[in-house]
Amino acid sequence: MSQVGGVGSGGGGGGGNLDTLTGNTGLAVGPDGSNNINIVGAGGVSVSGDPGTNTLTITASFTNFIYQTITGISFSMIAGNGYILTNTSMTTGSLPANGSTIVGDTVRVIGLSGGFTISQSANQQIIIGIDASTTGSGGSISVSMAVRNGLELVCVSNAGGVYIWTTIVAPQGNFTVV
C-alpha cells in the first residue's frame, strides 16, 4: 500500500511485501490530529523509522508453519509450530508461555499413534466448541487412544491477563476437557 497526501492505493499485504507510507508536511494524519501514526502490529511485522528522511518502513515476514516430530512423552510448544507425535504412550505438550504469546498465535498438534494432552500454565484456558477448560495450571485437554487425531489452537484473547486458546478448525477425535 502506498499513501501520498492522505490517499491510499495498492493491494493487500502478504508475506515479504514492503509497504511505504508517505504524506505531506503539516497534513494531520494521526487520530489525535497530529502528524503521528500509531501502528499496531502482530508477530512477523517489524516497523522502523528514519527521522532524518521522514521514512517509516513496515516489513511483514510471515513464514510457513514449522513442523517437528516429537518422539518423547513431553514437549513445550512454540507459537507458529506444528507437532507430529509418534510415541505410542500419552504425550503432553505445554502451551506457549504467556509472556511470549500474542493474540493470533497458533499451534498445531497431530497424534499419529498415542493419545495426547495439552497442558496449561497459570492464566491460560482452552476452549473447544462449548467446552472450556479450568483456567490455570489445573486445566487441560486430552484425547486418549488417538490415532491420527489433530488440533489447531489459536490464542484469541489475553484480556485481563488470561490467555484464551480456541480451535478455529474442528478438532479430530474425542477430546476430554478438564
Protein backbone atom coordinates (compact mmCIF):
# COMPACT_ATOMS: atom_id res chain seq x y z
CA MET A 1 0.00 0.00 0.00
CA SER A 2 1.30 3.44 -0.81
CA GLN A 3 -0.26 6.56 0.64
CA VAL A 4 0.60 10.01 -0.63
CA GLY A 5 -1.14 13.13 0.69
CA GLY A 6 -3.73 11.11 2.58
CA VAL A 7 -4.94 8.98 -0.33
CA GLY A 8 -4.12 5.26 -0.19
CA SER A 9 -3.75 2.89 -3.08
CA GLY A 10 -2.38 -0.55 -3.72
CA GLY A 11 -3.18 -4.13 -2.90
CA GLY A 12 -3.24 -6.06 0.32
CA GLY A 13 -0.16 -7.23 2.11
CA GLY A 14 1.40 -10.62 2.11
CA GLY A 15 4.50 -12.42 3.15
CA GLY A 16 7.57 -10.41 2.33
CA ASN A 17 5.78 -7.34 0.94
CA LEU A 18 7.26 -3.95 1.73
CA ASP A 19 4.74 -1.14 2.11
CA THR A 20 5.58 2.56 2.08
CA LEU A 21 3.57 5.39 3.66
CA THR A 22 4.33 9.00 2.75
CA GLY A 23 2.49 12.24 3.49
CA ASN A 24 2.63 15.99 3.08
CA THR A 25 4.28 18.14 5.75
CA GLY A 26 1.65 19.60 8.05
CA LEU A 27 -1.02 17.13 6.98
CA ALA A 28 -2.87 15.84 10.06
CA VAL A 29 -2.81 12.07 9.70
CA GLY A 30 -2.88 10.79 13.27
CA PRO A 31 -6.05 10.07 15.25
CA ASP A 32 -5.18 12.94 17.59
CA GLY A 33 -4.81 15.46 14.74
CA SER A 34 -1.00 15.36 14.84
CA ASN A 35 1.42 14.02 12.28
CA ASN A 36 1.80 10.87 14.39
CA ILE A 37 0.77 7.48 13.05
CA ASN A 38 0.04 4.72 15.53
CA ILE A 39 0.76 1.23 14.25
CA VAL A 40 -0.47 -1.89 15.98
CA GLY A 41 1.24 -4.96 14.56
CA ALA A 42 1.39 -8.66 15.11
CA GLY A 43 4.09 -11.28 15.08
CA GLY A 44 6.08 -11.22 11.86
CA VAL A 45 5.74 -7.45 11.42
CA SER A 46 8.57 -5.03 12.05
CA VAL A 47 8.46 -1.23 11.91
CA SER A 48 11.43 1.10 11.63
CA GLY A 49 11.65 4.85 11.15
CA ASP A 50 14.25 7.33 9.97
CA PRO A 51 13.52 10.87 11.24
CA GLY A 52 16.27 12.28 9.01
CA THR A 53 14.39 11.28 5.86
CA ASN A 54 10.90 11.12 7.42
CA THR A 55 10.64 7.49 6.33
CA LEU A 56 8.61 4.81 8.07
CA THR A 57 9.23 1.25 6.88
CA ILE A 58 6.81 -1.60 7.65
CA THR A 59 8.05 -5.09 6.79
CA ALA A 60 5.98 -8.25 7.02
CA SER A 61 7.89 -11.51 7.13
CA PHE A 62 5.48 -14.39 7.53
CA THR A 63 6.67 -17.96 7.25
CA ASN A 64 5.03 -21.33 6.88
CA PHE A 65 4.41 -23.45 9.92
CA ILE A 66 7.43 -25.36 11.13
CA TYR A 67 6.59 -28.97 11.95
CA GLN A 68 8.58 -31.01 14.43
CA THR A 69 8.35 -34.72 15.11
CA ILE A 70 8.05 -35.45 18.83
CA THR A 71 9.16 -38.92 19.91
CA GLY A 72 9.22 -38.34 23.69
CA ILE A 73 6.37 -38.04 26.17
CA SER A 74 6.53 -34.28 26.82
CA PHE A 75 7.37 -31.08 24.97
CA SER A 76 6.93 -27.31 25.20
CA MET A 77 5.06 -25.63 22.36
CA ILE A 78 6.25 -22.56 20.49
CA ALA A 79 3.77 -20.38 18.58
CA GLY A 80 3.89 -20.88 14.83
CA ASN A 81 4.89 -24.52 15.17
CA GLY A 82 3.16 -27.80 14.47
CA TYR A 83 3.93 -31.02 16.29
CA ILE A 84 3.63 -34.57 14.96
CA LEU A 85 3.56 -37.01 17.86
CA THR A 86 4.88 -40.50 17.16
CA ASN A 87 5.12 -42.00 20.67
CA THR A 88 2.64 -44.80 21.40
CA SER A 89 2.33 -43.53 25.00
CA MET A 90 0.34 -40.50 26.13
CA THR A 91 2.32 -37.36 25.23
CA THR A 92 1.92 -33.99 26.99
CA GLY A 93 2.52 -30.65 25.28
CA SER A 94 2.58 -27.38 27.22
CA LEU A 95 1.03 -24.27 25.68
CA PRO A 96 3.45 -21.45 24.82
CA ALA A 97 4.37 -19.20 27.77
CA ASN A 98 2.09 -16.20 28.33
CA GLY A 99 4.97 -13.72 28.03
CA SER A 100 5.80 -14.99 24.54
CA THR A 101 2.20 -15.16 23.30
CA ILE A 102 0.23 -12.56 21.36
CA VAL A 103 -3.33 -12.73 20.07
CA GLY A 104 -3.31 -14.65 16.80
CA ASP A 105 -0.51 -17.05 17.72
CA THR A 106 -1.26 -20.58 16.55
CA VAL A 107 -0.06 -24.11 17.41
CA ARG A 108 -0.98 -27.44 15.81
CA VAL A 109 -0.77 -30.96 17.24
CA ILE A 110 -1.21 -34.24 15.34
CA GLY A 111 -1.13 -37.56 17.21
CA LEU A 112 -0.14 -40.45 14.97
CA SER A 113 -0.25 -43.35 17.39
CA GLY A 114 -0.75 -42.48 21.09
CA GLY A 115 -3.03 -40.05 22.84
CA PHE A 116 -2.03 -36.57 23.90
CA THR A 117 -2.72 -33.91 26.49
CA ILE A 118 -2.28 -30.17 26.10
CA SER A 119 -1.47 -28.70 29.49
CA GLN A 120 -1.85 -25.11 30.62
CA SER A 121 0.05 -22.76 32.87
CA ALA A 122 -1.34 -20.07 35.16
CA ASN A 123 -3.80 -17.72 33.44
CA GLN A 124 -4.37 -19.97 30.42
CA GLN A 125 -7.59 -21.58 29.20
CA ILE A 126 -8.51 -23.78 26.23
CA ILE A 127 -11.92 -23.74 24.57
CA ILE A 128 -13.19 -26.43 22.20
CA GLY A 129 -16.68 -25.69 20.94
CA ILE A 130 -18.86 -25.15 24.02
CA ASP A 131 -16.38 -26.83 26.38
CA ALA A 132 -13.88 -24.71 28.32
CA SER A 133 -11.03 -26.00 30.45
CA THR A 134 -10.48 -24.81 34.00
CA THR A 135 -8.44 -21.60 33.90
CA GLY A 136 -4.88 -22.09 35.11
CA SER A 137 -2.47 -24.94 35.63
CA GLY A 138 -5.26 -27.34 36.67
CA GLY A 139 -6.87 -27.20 33.23
CA SER A 140 -6.03 -29.27 30.17
CA ILE A 141 -7.48 -31.05 27.18
CA SER A 142 -6.65 -34.58 26.12
CA VAL A 143 -7.54 -37.33 23.71
CA SER A 144 -6.67 -40.92 24.57
CA MET A 145 -6.08 -43.80 22.20
CA ALA A 146 -5.86 -41.19 19.45
CA VAL A 147 -4.71 -42.37 16.08
CA ARG A 148 -4.17 -39.63 13.52
CA ASN A 149 -6.14 -37.06 15.51
CA GLY A 150 -5.26 -33.42 15.43
CA LEU A 151 -5.99 -29.99 16.75
CA GLU A 152 -5.17 -26.40 15.85
CA LEU A 153 -5.32 -23.81 18.64
CA VAL A 154 -5.24 -20.02 18.24
CA CYS A 155 -4.74 -17.51 21.05
CA VAL A 156 -7.86 -15.34 20.73
CA SER A 157 -7.59 -13.17 23.83
CA ASN A 158 -5.23 -12.03 26.56
CA ALA A 159 -7.74 -9.66 28.17
CA GLY A 160 -7.33 -9.32 31.91
CA GLY A 161 -4.11 -11.34 31.73
CA VAL A 162 -5.92 -14.59 30.85
CA TYR A 163 -4.68 -16.17 27.62
CA ILE A 164 -7.55 -17.97 25.89
CA TRP A 165 -6.76 -20.54 23.20
CA THR A 166 -9.53 -21.91 21.00
CA THR A 167 -9.95 -24.11 17.95
CA ILE A 168 -10.68 -22.49 14.62
CA VAL A 169 -10.86 -25.79 12.80
CA ALA A 170 -12.96 -28.61 14.21
CA PRO A 171 -10.66 -30.97 16.10
CA GLN A 172 -10.40 -34.58 15.03
CA GLY A 173 -11.01 -37.05 17.86
CA ASN A 174 -12.95 -37.21 21.11
CA PHE A 175 -11.36 -34.70 23.45
CA THR A 176 -11.75 -34.53 27.21
CA VAL A 177 -11.74 -31.02 28.62
CA VAL A 178 -10.68 -30.64 32.28
